[in-house]
Amino acid sequence: MIKNELMKYSCPLGKAMSALGSKWKPIIVLVIKDRKLRFGELAVRISVISRKVLTDQLKEMQTDGLVIREEFKELPPRVEYSLTEKGLALLPILYLLEEWETRYHVKDLNNEEGCNVMDKNNKSKEAFVCNNTVESV
């Protein structure tokens, strides 16, 4: 279902899935967390996403009120991204989704690649691991 179709529904779940319905948006939220990151930092930390897709996702997230884009009039130009209050409110929900997947995960013998953003003990991890690529967070 495309985003415009989801937006026409008045139910809260339809609107929420419209705002967060791509596979990249939850990952972007978990990588930004409670700090400000430049575009290049995001691209390095989520190395499996193309720069075009990252740009498109950040624009949609800004439109949906999840991300703040702060532009600095400097040379060279600098832009920082941070989460809005609405975006920060997603963090506990995303941590719960990860716990749910960990609890009910059925091991796929053909695909042993990991994707983990949080530490099971304290819900904050110093590395983002996806597709066997480790980036400092």
Protein backbone atom coordinates (compact mmCIF):
# COMPACT_ATOMS: atom_id res chain seq x y z
CA MET A 1 0.00 0.00 0.00
CA ILE A 2 1.46 3.37 -0.89
CA LYS A 3 1.81 6.21 1.60
CA ASN A 4 -1.00 8.35 0.15
CA GLU A 5 -3.44 5.46 0.49
CA LEU A 6 -2.52 4.99 4.15
CA MET A 7 -2.89 8.70 4.88
CA LYS A 8 -6.52 8.76 3.79
CA TYR A 9 -7.47 6.48 6.69
CA SER A 10 -8.34 8.15 9.96
CA CYS A 11 -7.22 5.25 12.16
CA PRO A 12 -4.10 5.95 14.23
CA LEU A 13 -2.34 2.75 13.14
CA GLY A 14 -2.70 3.64 9.46
CA LYS A 15 -1.23 7.07 10.08
CA ALA A 16 1.60 5.66 12.18
CA MET A 17 2.49 3.08 9.55
CA SER A 18 2.42 5.78 6.93
CA ALA A 19 4.97 7.84 8.86
CA LEU A 20 7.19 4.88 9.74
CA GLY A 21 6.31 2.38 7.04
CA SER A 22 9.67 1.95 5.30
CA LYS A 23 12.38 -0.43 6.40
CA TRP A 24 14.89 2.41 6.80
CA LYS A 25 13.00 4.89 8.97
CA PRO A 26 13.10 2.82 12.18
CA ILE A 27 16.82 2.22 11.67
CA ILE A 28 17.43 5.94 11.11
CA VAL A 29 15.51 6.75 14.31
CA LEU A 30 17.58 4.23 16.29
CA VAL A 31 20.86 5.54 14.90
CA ILE A 32 20.09 9.22 15.57
CA LYS A 33 18.70 8.58 19.06
CA ASP A 34 19.03 11.65 21.31
CA ARG A 35 21.87 13.38 19.48
CA LYS A 36 22.55 15.48 16.40
CA LEU A 37 24.20 13.81 13.43
CA ARG A 38 25.37 15.18 10.13
CA PHE A 39 24.26 13.55 6.89
CA GLY A 40 27.69 12.04 6.26
CA GLU A 41 27.76 10.53 9.74
CA LEU A 42 24.37 8.91 9.14
CA ALA A 43 25.53 7.57 5.77
CA VAL A 44 28.62 6.00 7.37
CA ARG A 45 26.74 4.54 10.33
CA ILE A 46 24.10 2.98 8.06
CA SER A 47 26.51 1.88 5.36
CA VAL A 48 23.99 -0.41 3.62
CA ILE A 49 21.69 2.46 2.58
CA SER A 50 22.34 4.52 -0.55
CA ARG A 51 22.77 8.26 -0.14
CA LYS A 52 19.74 8.93 -2.36
CA VAL A 53 17.48 6.67 -0.30
CA LEU A 54 18.83 8.20 2.92
CA THR A 55 18.09 11.69 1.57
CA ASP A 56 14.56 10.70 0.54
CA GLN A 57 13.83 9.03 3.88
CA LEU A 58 15.09 12.02 5.87
CA LYS A 59 12.91 14.37 3.79
CA GLU A 60 9.83 12.20 4.45
CA MET A 61 10.68 11.98 8.14
CA GLN A 62 11.01 15.77 8.31
CA THR A 63 7.62 16.16 6.63
CA ASP A 64 6.10 13.66 9.09
CA GLY A 65 7.50 15.56 12.06
CA LEU A 66 9.98 12.88 13.16
CA VAL A 67 13.24 14.66 12.30
CA ILE A 68 14.54 18.21 12.58
CA ARG A 69 16.90 19.36 9.83
CA GLU A 70 19.13 22.18 11.04
CA GLU A 71 21.02 24.00 8.29
CA PHE A 72 24.06 26.12 9.07
CA LYS A 73 25.09 28.92 6.72
CA GLU A 74 28.77 28.06 6.63
CA LEU A 75 31.38 27.14 4.08
CA PRO A 76 31.34 24.26 3.52
CA PRO A 77 27.60 23.96 4.21
CA ARG A 78 26.66 21.88 7.26
CA VAL A 79 23.36 20.18 8.06
CA GLU A 80 22.54 18.30 11.26
CA TYR A 81 19.63 15.96 11.91
CA SER A 82 18.01 15.25 15.26
CA LEU A 83 14.77 13.66 16.41
CA THR A 84 11.73 15.69 17.36
CA GLU A 85 9.77 14.87 20.51
CA LYS A 86 7.57 12.66 18.31
CA GLY A 87 10.66 10.88 16.95
CA LEU A 88 12.14 10.38 20.42
CA ALA A 89 8.86 8.85 21.57
CA LEU A 90 9.41 6.06 19.02
CA LEU A 91 12.60 4.81 20.67
CA PRO A 92 10.95 2.73 23.43
CA ILE A 93 8.54 1.27 20.87
CA LEU A 94 11.38 0.27 18.56
CA TYR A 95 13.31 -1.27 21.47
CA LEU A 96 10.21 -3.32 22.29
CA LEU A 97 9.95 -4.48 18.66
CA GLU A 98 13.55 -5.62 18.77
CA GLU A 99 12.95 -7.49 22.03
CA TRP A 100 9.85 -9.10 20.49
CA GLU A 101 11.83 -10.29 17.45
CA THR A 102 14.63 -11.60 19.65
CA ARG A 103 12.18 -13.55 21.80
CA TYR A 104 10.21 -15.12 18.94
CA HIS A 105 12.96 -15.34 16.34
CA VAL A 106 13.03 -18.54 14.30
CA LYS A 107 16.62 -19.08 13.22
CA ASP A 108 17.04 -18.99 9.45
CA LEU A 109 19.78 -21.45 8.61
CA ASN A 110 20.40 -19.81 5.22
CA ASN A 111 20.83 -16.28 6.58
CA GLU A 112 23.10 -15.82 9.60
CA GLU A 113 23.67 -12.08 9.09
CA GLY A 114 22.92 -9.98 12.13
CA CYS A 115 21.12 -6.70 12.51
CA ASN A 116 21.16 -5.29 16.01
CA VAL A 117 20.99 -1.74 17.27
CA MET A 118 20.57 -2.25 20.99
CA ASP A 119 22.20 -4.11 23.81
CA LYS A 120 19.72 -6.49 25.43
CA ASN A 121 20.76 -5.37 28.91
CA ASN A 122 20.67 -1.60 28.72
CA LYS A 123 18.96 -0.75 25.42
CA SER A 124 21.90 1.29 24.15
CA LYS A 125 24.64 -0.12 22.04
CA GLU A 126 27.85 1.45 20.84
CA ALA A 127 27.71 -0.17 17.41
CA PHE A 128 25.13 -0.61 14.69
CA VAL A 129 25.52 -4.06 13.13
CA CYS A 130 23.72 -4.88 9.93
CA ASN A 131 24.65 -7.33 7.17
CA ASN A 132 27.90 -8.13 8.99
CA THR A 133 28.99 -4.48 8.77
CA VAL A 134 29.92 -2.79 12.04
CA GLU A 135 29.83 0.98 12.34
CA SER A 136 30.48 3.02 15.47
CA VAL A 137 27.43 4.75 16.85
